[in-house]
Amino acid sequence: MCHIACPEDVRVRRVLPRPADPGRRALARLTAVAGPDYPVAALTPEPYAAVMERWTSAAAATWNRHLSALVSFTT
């Protein structure tokens, strides 16, 4: 994953974790919302909000786990 100094042209599908990694569902949903070739550097809050809508009725720990996966994806 891209944690330090991501190049501007990194694409969403190139940095998705392997299927066994935690957070894959959140990142798979982000890919579905933004598109597999969407530049990571161009992501805005709207795709994140659309992804997080899936877990609005989930337990707080579940919601936080998925939000954490999304945040760590781009920071």
C-alpha atoms as a PDB file:
ATOM      1  CA  MET A   1       0.000   0.000   0.000  1.00  0.00           C
ATOM      2  CA  CYS A   2       1.028   3.570  -0.521  1.00  0.00           C
ATOM      3  CA  HIS A   3       1.786   5.157   2.852  1.00  0.00           C
ATOM      4  CA  ILE A   4       4.679   7.449   1.992  1.00  0.00           C
ATOM      5  CA  ALA A   5       4.992   9.778  -0.991  1.00  0.00           C
ATOM      6  CA  CYS A   6       2.529   8.271  -3.472  1.00  0.00           C
ATOM      7  CA  PRO A   7       3.163   9.159  -7.084  1.00  0.00           C
ATOM      8  CA  GLU A   8       0.297  11.144  -8.560  1.00  0.00           C
ATOM      9  CA  ASP A   9      -0.486   8.444 -11.119  1.00  0.00           C
ATOM     10  CA  VAL A  10      -1.102   5.581  -8.681  1.00  0.00           C
ATOM     11  CA  ARG A  11      -4.383   3.980  -9.631  1.00  0.00           C
ATOM     12  CA  VAL A  12      -6.907   2.505  -7.202  1.00  0.00           C
ATOM     13  CA  ARG A  13      -6.608  -1.074  -8.437  1.00  0.00           C
ATOM     14  CA  ARG A  14      -2.806  -1.086  -8.221  1.00  0.00           C
ATOM     15  CA  VAL A  15      -2.770  -0.608  -4.456  1.00  0.00           C
ATOM     16  CA  LEU A  16      -5.622  -2.836  -3.345  1.00  0.00           C
ATOM     17  CA  PRO A  17      -4.612  -5.335  -0.679  1.00  0.00           C
ATOM     18  CA  ARG A  18      -4.610  -9.068  -1.247  1.00  0.00           C
ATOM     19  CA  PRO A  19      -7.976 -10.727  -0.495  1.00  0.00           C
ATOM     20  CA  ALA A  20      -6.877 -11.936   2.959  1.00  0.00           C
ATOM     21  CA  ASP A  21      -5.916  -8.436   4.158  1.00  0.00           C
ATOM     22  CA  PRO A  22      -8.253  -6.589   6.544  1.00  0.00           C
ATOM     23  CA  GLY A  23     -10.278  -3.837   4.933  1.00  0.00           C
ATOM     24  CA  ARG A  24     -10.519  -5.467   1.525  1.00  0.00           C
ATOM     25  CA  ARG A  25     -14.300  -5.063   1.468  1.00  0.00           C
ATOM     26  CA  ALA A  26     -14.052  -1.325   2.088  1.00  0.00           C
ATOM     27  CA  LEU A  27     -11.397  -0.921  -0.566  1.00  0.00           C
ATOM     28  CA  ALA A  28     -13.283  -3.122  -3.018  1.00  0.00           C
ATOM     29  CA  ARG A  29     -16.329  -0.898  -2.519  1.00  0.00           C
ATOM     30  CA  LEU A  30     -14.176   2.205  -3.058  1.00  0.00           C
ATOM     31  CA  THR A  31     -12.969   0.689  -6.317  1.00  0.00           C
ATOM     32  CA  ALA A  32     -16.564  -0.004  -7.332  1.00  0.00           C
ATOM     33  CA  VAL A  33     -17.605   3.567  -6.492  1.00  0.00           C
ATOM     34  CA  ALA A  34     -14.607   5.456  -7.930  1.00  0.00           C
ATOM     35  CA  GLY A  35     -13.648   3.026 -10.679  1.00  0.00           C
ATOM     36  CA  PRO A  36     -10.542   0.834 -10.912  1.00  0.00           C
ATOM     37  CA  ASP A  37      -8.496   3.366 -12.861  1.00  0.00           C
ATOM     38  CA  TYR A  38      -9.339   6.420 -10.753  1.00  0.00           C
ATOM     39  CA  PRO A  39      -6.166   8.197  -9.528  1.00  0.00           C
ATOM     40  CA  VAL A  40      -5.753   7.863  -5.765  1.00  0.00           C
ATOM     41  CA  ALA A  41      -4.478  11.437  -5.522  1.00  0.00           C
ATOM     42  CA  ALA A  42      -7.752  12.686  -7.027  1.00  0.00           C
ATOM     43  CA  LEU A  43     -10.069  10.992  -4.517  1.00  0.00           C
ATOM     44  CA  THR A  44     -12.446  13.385  -2.770  1.00  0.00           C
ATOM     45  CA  PRO A  45     -14.642  12.885   0.326  1.00  0.00           C
ATOM     46  CA  GLU A  46     -17.680  11.930  -1.776  1.00  0.00           C
ATOM     47  CA  PRO A  47     -16.499   8.418  -2.762  1.00  0.00           C
ATOM     48  CA  TYR A  48     -15.527   7.746   0.853  1.00  0.00           C
ATOM     49  CA  ALA A  49     -18.969   8.835   2.046  1.00  0.00           C
ATOM     50  CA  ALA A  50     -20.648   6.613  -0.551  1.00  0.00           C
ATOM     51  CA  VAL A  51     -18.584   3.639   0.622  1.00  0.00           C
ATOM     52  CA  MET A  52     -19.262   4.300   4.302  1.00  0.00           C
ATOM     53  CA  GLU A  53     -23.033   4.420   3.720  1.00  0.00           C
ATOM     54  CA  ARG A  54     -22.867   0.633   3.525  1.00  0.00           C
ATOM     55  CA  TRP A  55     -21.992   0.445   7.231  1.00  0.00           C
ATOM     56  CA  THR A  56     -24.213   3.189   8.698  1.00  0.00           C
ATOM     57  CA  SER A  57     -26.273   0.653  10.654  1.00  0.00           C
ATOM     58  CA  ALA A  58     -23.275  -1.487  11.663  1.00  0.00           C
ATOM     59  CA  ALA A  59     -21.703  -1.551  15.093  1.00  0.00           C
ATOM     60  CA  ALA A  60     -19.342   1.327  15.838  1.00  0.00           C
ATOM     61  CA  ALA A  61     -16.312  -0.979  15.810  1.00  0.00           C
ATOM     62  CA  THR A  62     -17.223  -2.252  12.335  1.00  0.00           C
ATOM     63  CA  TRP A  63     -17.774   1.254  10.997  1.00  0.00           C
ATOM     64  CA  ASN A  64     -14.480   2.433  12.482  1.00  0.00           C
ATOM     65  CA  ARG A  65     -12.588  -0.571  11.092  1.00  0.00           C
ATOM     66  CA  HIS A  66     -13.769   0.146   7.554  1.00  0.00           C
ATOM     67  CA  LEU A  67     -13.138   3.881   7.890  1.00  0.00           C
ATOM     68  CA  SER A  68      -9.643   3.150   9.175  1.00  0.00           C
ATOM     69  CA  ALA A  69      -8.954   0.933   6.150  1.00  0.00           C
ATOM     70  CA  LEU A  70     -10.052   3.703   3.795  1.00  0.00           C
ATOM     71  CA  VAL A  71      -8.006   6.355   5.579  1.00  0.00           C
ATOM     72  CA  SER A  72      -4.873   4.197   5.665  1.00  0.00           C
ATOM     73  CA  PHE A  73      -5.322   3.543   1.965  1.00  0.00           C
ATOM     74  CA  THR A  74      -4.528   7.151   1.031  1.00  0.00           C
ATOM     75  CA  THR A  75      -2.380   8.428   3.891  1.00  0.00           C
END
